[in-house]
């Protein structure tokens, strides 16, 4: 009984890792705008 549980856990772990790897290769990075904030020297410190 214990070895069946261990084998099923390893199979599920491999499937999840494969699914995440496939999703990471298909889904590209999200596109978002990057804003640069320039500090204002007129503000009191």
N, C-alpha and C. Protein backbone atom coordinates (compact mmCIF):
# COMPACT_ATOMS: atom_id res chain seq x y z
N UNK A 1 0.84 -1.20 0.00
CA UNK A 1 0.00 0.00 0.00
C UNK A 1 0.88 1.26 0.00
N UNK A 2 1.95 1.25 0.77
CA UNK A 2 2.79 2.43 0.87
C UNK A 2 3.53 2.75 -0.42
N UNK A 3 3.96 1.70 -1.13
CA UNK A 3 4.72 1.94 -2.36
C UNK A 3 3.81 2.45 -3.46
N UNK A 4 2.53 2.06 -3.46
CA UNK A 4 1.58 2.59 -4.44
C UNK A 4 1.35 4.08 -4.22
N UNK A 5 1.26 4.46 -2.96
CA UNK A 5 1.07 5.87 -2.63
C UNK A 5 2.30 6.68 -3.06
N UNK A 6 3.47 6.13 -2.83
CA UNK A 6 4.71 6.81 -3.20
C UNK A 6 4.81 6.97 -4.73
N UNK A 7 4.49 5.92 -5.46
CA UNK A 7 4.56 5.97 -6.92
C UNK A 7 3.53 6.96 -7.47
N UNK A 8 2.32 6.95 -6.91
CA UNK A 8 1.30 7.89 -7.39
C UNK A 8 1.70 9.32 -7.07
N UNK A 9 2.34 9.55 -5.93
CA UNK A 9 2.80 10.89 -5.58
C UNK A 9 3.88 11.36 -6.56
N UNK A 10 4.79 10.48 -6.91
CA UNK A 10 5.85 10.83 -7.86
C UNK A 10 5.26 11.12 -9.24
N UNK A 11 4.28 10.34 -9.66
CA UNK A 11 3.64 10.55 -10.97
C UNK A 11 2.94 11.89 -10.99
N UNK A 12 2.21 12.22 -9.94
CA UNK A 12 1.51 13.51 -9.88
C UNK A 12 2.52 14.65 -9.86
N UNK A 13 3.62 14.47 -9.14
CA UNK A 13 4.65 15.51 -9.08
C UNK A 13 5.26 15.74 -10.46
N UNK A 14 5.53 14.68 -11.20
CA UNK A 14 6.09 14.81 -12.55
C UNK A 14 5.09 15.48 -13.48
N UNK A 15 3.81 15.13 -13.38
CA UNK A 15 2.80 15.75 -14.23
C UNK A 15 2.65 17.24 -13.94
N UNK A 16 2.67 17.60 -12.68
CA UNK A 16 2.56 19.02 -12.31
C UNK A 16 3.78 19.79 -12.79
N UNK A 17 4.96 19.22 -12.61
CA UNK A 17 6.18 19.90 -13.07
C UNK A 17 6.18 20.04 -14.59
N UNK A 18 5.74 19.02 -15.30
CA UNK A 18 5.65 19.10 -16.76
C UNK A 18 4.63 20.13 -17.21
N UNK A 19 3.51 20.19 -16.51
CA UNK A 19 2.49 21.19 -16.84
C UNK A 19 2.98 22.61 -16.62
N UNK A 20 3.69 22.81 -15.52
CA UNK A 20 4.23 24.14 -15.26
C UNK A 20 5.30 24.52 -16.28
N UNK A 21 6.12 23.56 -16.67
CA UNK A 21 7.15 23.83 -17.68
C UNK A 21 6.52 24.16 -19.02
N UNK A 22 5.46 23.44 -19.38
CA UNK A 22 4.76 23.72 -20.64
C UNK A 22 4.10 25.10 -20.59
N UNK A 23 3.47 25.41 -19.47
CA UNK A 23 2.82 26.70 -19.33
C UNK A 23 3.85 27.84 -19.37
N UNK A 24 4.99 27.62 -18.76
CA UNK A 24 6.04 28.64 -18.78
C UNK A 24 6.61 28.85 -20.16
N UNK A 25 6.63 27.81 -20.97
CA UNK A 25 7.17 27.97 -22.32
C UNK A 25 6.14 28.59 -23.26
N UNK A 26 4.86 28.37 -23.01
CA UNK A 26 3.81 28.90 -23.89
C UNK A 26 3.46 30.34 -23.52
N UNK A 27 3.28 30.59 -22.24
CA UNK A 27 2.88 31.91 -21.79
C UNK A 27 4.10 32.81 -21.71
N UNK A 28 4.11 33.83 -22.52
CA UNK A 28 5.23 34.77 -22.51
C UNK A 28 5.09 35.74 -21.35
N UNK A 29 6.08 36.57 -21.18
CA UNK A 29 5.98 37.57 -20.11
C UNK A 29 4.90 38.61 -20.42
N UNK A 30 4.20 39.03 -19.39
CA UNK A 30 3.15 40.01 -19.60
C UNK A 30 3.73 41.35 -19.99
N UNK A 31 3.02 42.04 -20.85
CA UNK A 31 3.50 43.34 -21.29
C UNK A 31 2.90 44.41 -20.39
N UNK A 32 3.75 45.24 -19.85
CA UNK A 32 3.30 46.33 -19.01
C UNK A 32 4.21 47.53 -19.24
N UNK A 33 3.66 48.69 -18.99
CA UNK A 33 4.45 49.91 -19.19
C UNK A 33 5.33 50.15 -17.97
N UNK A 34 6.49 50.69 -18.23
CA UNK A 34 7.43 51.00 -17.16
C UNK A 34 7.55 52.52 -17.09
N UNK A 35 7.32 53.07 -15.92
CA UNK A 35 7.42 54.51 -15.74
C UNK A 35 8.66 54.82 -14.93
N UNK A 36 9.40 55.83 -15.37
CA UNK A 36 10.58 56.24 -14.62
C UNK A 36 10.21 57.48 -13.83
N UNK A 37 10.46 57.42 -12.53
CA UNK A 37 10.12 58.54 -11.66
C UNK A 37 11.38 59.36 -11.44
N UNK A 38 11.31 60.64 -11.80
CA UNK A 38 12.44 61.54 -11.63
C UNK A 38 12.20 62.32 -10.34
N UNK A 39 13.14 62.26 -9.40
CA UNK A 39 12.93 62.98 -8.14
C UNK A 39 12.93 64.50 -8.37
N UNK A 40 12.07 65.15 -7.64
CA UNK A 40 11.94 66.60 -7.75
C UNK A 40 12.81 67.25 -6.66
N UNK A 41 13.78 68.04 -7.06
CA UNK A 41 14.69 68.67 -6.10
C UNK A 41 14.04 69.81 -5.34
N UNK A 42 12.86 70.25 -5.77
CA UNK A 42 12.21 71.38 -5.12
C UNK A 42 11.46 70.98 -3.85
N UNK A 43 11.25 69.69 -3.66
CA UNK A 43 10.55 69.24 -2.47
C UNK A 43 11.44 69.36 -1.25
N UNK A 44 10.89 69.77 -0.12
CA UNK A 44 11.73 69.83 1.11
C UNK A 44 12.12 68.43 1.58
N UNK A 45 13.30 68.34 2.13
CA UNK A 45 13.80 67.04 2.59
C UNK A 45 13.52 66.84 4.07
